[in-house]
C-alpha cells in the first residue's frame, strides 16, 4: 500500500526528521523504499566505505515510521516503481514544493 501525498505543513521538522531529509537530499546517498511481496517496507541507502573511520560498505536502514510520516506530509516523494516478482522499489527524493509567495505589502516595503 502506497501512502497518499498531502501538502507540506508549516510546522518545523524535529531534529531526527531533519536528519532524514538531509540524507535524502544528499546526492551521494541515493535512498530507496523497498516494498516486499508480503507488504514489509524498508527505507535504506548504501553507505560507501570510509577509509578514515574504517566503516561503511553496507546498507543502512532508515526508520520506516519516520520516513512514511515525511512522505505523507509531503517532505519526501517517491519515483516511479521498479517492479520485481518479490518486491517493488522506489527511489526516494526530496519533495519539490514551490516557495511560499511573498505578500505584496512586504514586497512594496522592501522596494521602497
Protein backbone atom coordinates (compact mmCIF):
# COMPACT_ATOMS: atom_id res chain seq x y z
CA UNK A 1 0.00 0.00 0.00
CA UNK A 2 1.40 3.38 -1.02
CA UNK A 3 0.78 6.41 1.12
CA UNK A 4 -1.02 9.40 -0.30
CA UNK A 5 0.76 12.73 -0.61
CA UNK A 6 -0.57 15.72 1.29
CA UNK A 7 0.51 19.36 1.36
CA UNK A 8 3.54 20.23 3.46
CA UNK A 9 2.66 21.50 6.93
CA UNK A 10 4.09 24.76 8.25
CA UNK A 11 5.45 23.06 11.39
CA UNK A 12 9.24 22.77 11.63
CA UNK A 13 10.91 19.39 11.45
CA UNK A 14 12.17 17.57 14.52
CA UNK A 15 15.96 17.09 14.64
CA UNK A 16 15.66 13.41 13.68
CA UNK A 17 13.30 14.18 10.77
CA UNK A 18 15.64 16.96 9.62
CA UNK A 19 18.49 14.41 9.57
CA UNK A 20 16.38 12.08 7.40
CA UNK A 21 15.57 14.88 4.94
CA UNK A 22 19.28 15.81 4.86
CA UNK A 23 20.17 12.21 3.95
CA UNK A 24 17.53 12.14 1.19
CA UNK A 25 18.79 15.47 -0.20
CA UNK A 26 22.43 14.30 -0.34
CA UNK A 27 23.12 13.19 -3.93
CA UNK A 28 25.90 10.87 -2.69
CA UNK A 29 23.40 8.73 -0.76
CA UNK A 30 20.55 7.60 -3.02
CA UNK A 31 17.73 6.41 -0.75
CA UNK A 32 15.28 3.70 -1.81
CA UNK A 33 12.00 2.33 -0.46
CA UNK A 34 11.65 -1.42 -0.94
CA UNK A 35 8.17 -2.88 -0.54
CA UNK A 36 8.38 -6.67 -0.32
CA UNK A 37 5.67 -9.00 -1.64
CA UNK A 38 4.41 -9.61 1.92
CA UNK A 39 3.94 -5.85 2.46
CA UNK A 40 7.06 -5.19 4.57
CA UNK A 41 8.50 -1.75 3.82
CA UNK A 42 12.14 -0.70 4.24
CA UNK A 43 13.80 2.64 3.51
CA UNK A 44 17.56 2.31 3.05
CA UNK A 45 20.69 3.62 1.37
CA UNK A 46 24.17 2.30 0.60
CA UNK A 47 26.92 3.69 2.83
CA UNK A 48 30.26 3.61 0.99
CA UNK A 49 33.43 2.56 2.77
CA UNK A 50 35.21 5.40 4.60
CA UNK A 51 38.93 4.59 4.97
CA UNK A 52 39.32 7.28 7.65
CA UNK A 53 36.86 5.55 10.01
CA UNK A 54 37.06 2.00 8.67
CA UNK A 55 33.24 1.95 8.48
CA UNK A 56 30.82 1.53 5.63
CA UNK A 57 30.32 -0.81 2.70
CA UNK A 58 26.86 -1.70 3.96
CA UNK A 59 23.21 -0.85 3.61
CA UNK A 60 21.81 1.49 6.24
CA UNK A 61 18.15 1.15 7.15
CA UNK A 62 16.18 4.28 7.97
CA UNK A 63 13.24 4.34 10.41
CA UNK A 64 10.19 3.33 8.38
CA UNK A 65 7.61 5.16 10.51
CA UNK A 66 9.52 8.44 10.31
CA UNK A 67 10.07 8.13 6.55
CA UNK A 68 6.39 7.26 5.98
CA UNK A 69 5.45 10.34 8.01
CA UNK A 70 7.77 12.54 5.90
CA UNK A 71 6.19 11.11 2.75
CA UNK A 72 2.61 11.57 3.96
CA UNK A 73 3.32 15.20 4.91
CA UNK A 74 4.93 15.98 1.55
CA UNK A 75 8.55 16.34 2.69
CA UNK A 76 9.79 13.46 0.51
CA UNK A 77 8.41 11.88 -2.66
CA UNK A 78 8.73 8.55 -4.46
CA UNK A 79 9.76 7.89 -8.06
CA UNK A 80 8.02 5.56 -10.47
CA UNK A 81 8.18 1.97 -9.17
CA UNK A 82 10.55 -0.71 -10.40
CA UNK A 83 8.54 -3.92 -10.05
CA UNK A 84 10.18 -7.29 -9.46
CA UNK A 85 8.24 -10.52 -8.68
CA UNK A 86 9.21 -10.37 -4.99
CA UNK A 87 9.42 -6.63 -4.39
CA UNK A 88 8.80 -3.12 -5.66
CA UNK A 89 11.49 -0.46 -5.36
CA UNK A 90 11.02 3.32 -5.37
CA UNK A 91 13.73 6.00 -5.38
CA UNK A 92 13.11 8.43 -2.51
CA UNK A 93 13.60 12.10 -3.35
CA UNK A 94 13.15 15.40 -1.58
CA UNK A 95 9.75 16.83 -2.42
CA UNK A 96 9.88 19.80 -4.74
CA UNK A 97 7.45 22.33 -3.42
CA UNK A 98 7.33 25.92 -4.62
CA UNK A 99 8.39 28.61 -2.19
CA UNK A 100 5.67 30.46 -0.33
CA UNK A 101 4.68 33.62 -2.22
CA UNK A 102 5.87 36.85 -0.63
CA UNK A 103 2.96 39.08 0.43
CA UNK A 104 2.52 42.13 -1.83
CA UNK A 105 2.76 44.57 1.12
CA UNK A 106 6.14 43.10 2.10
CA UNK A 107 7.48 43.36 -1.47
CA UNK A 108 6.44 47.04 -1.68
CA UNK A 109 8.07 47.84 1.67
CA UNK A 110 11.33 46.17 0.60
CA UNK A 111 11.35 48.03 -2.76
CA UNK A 112 10.98 51.47 -1.13
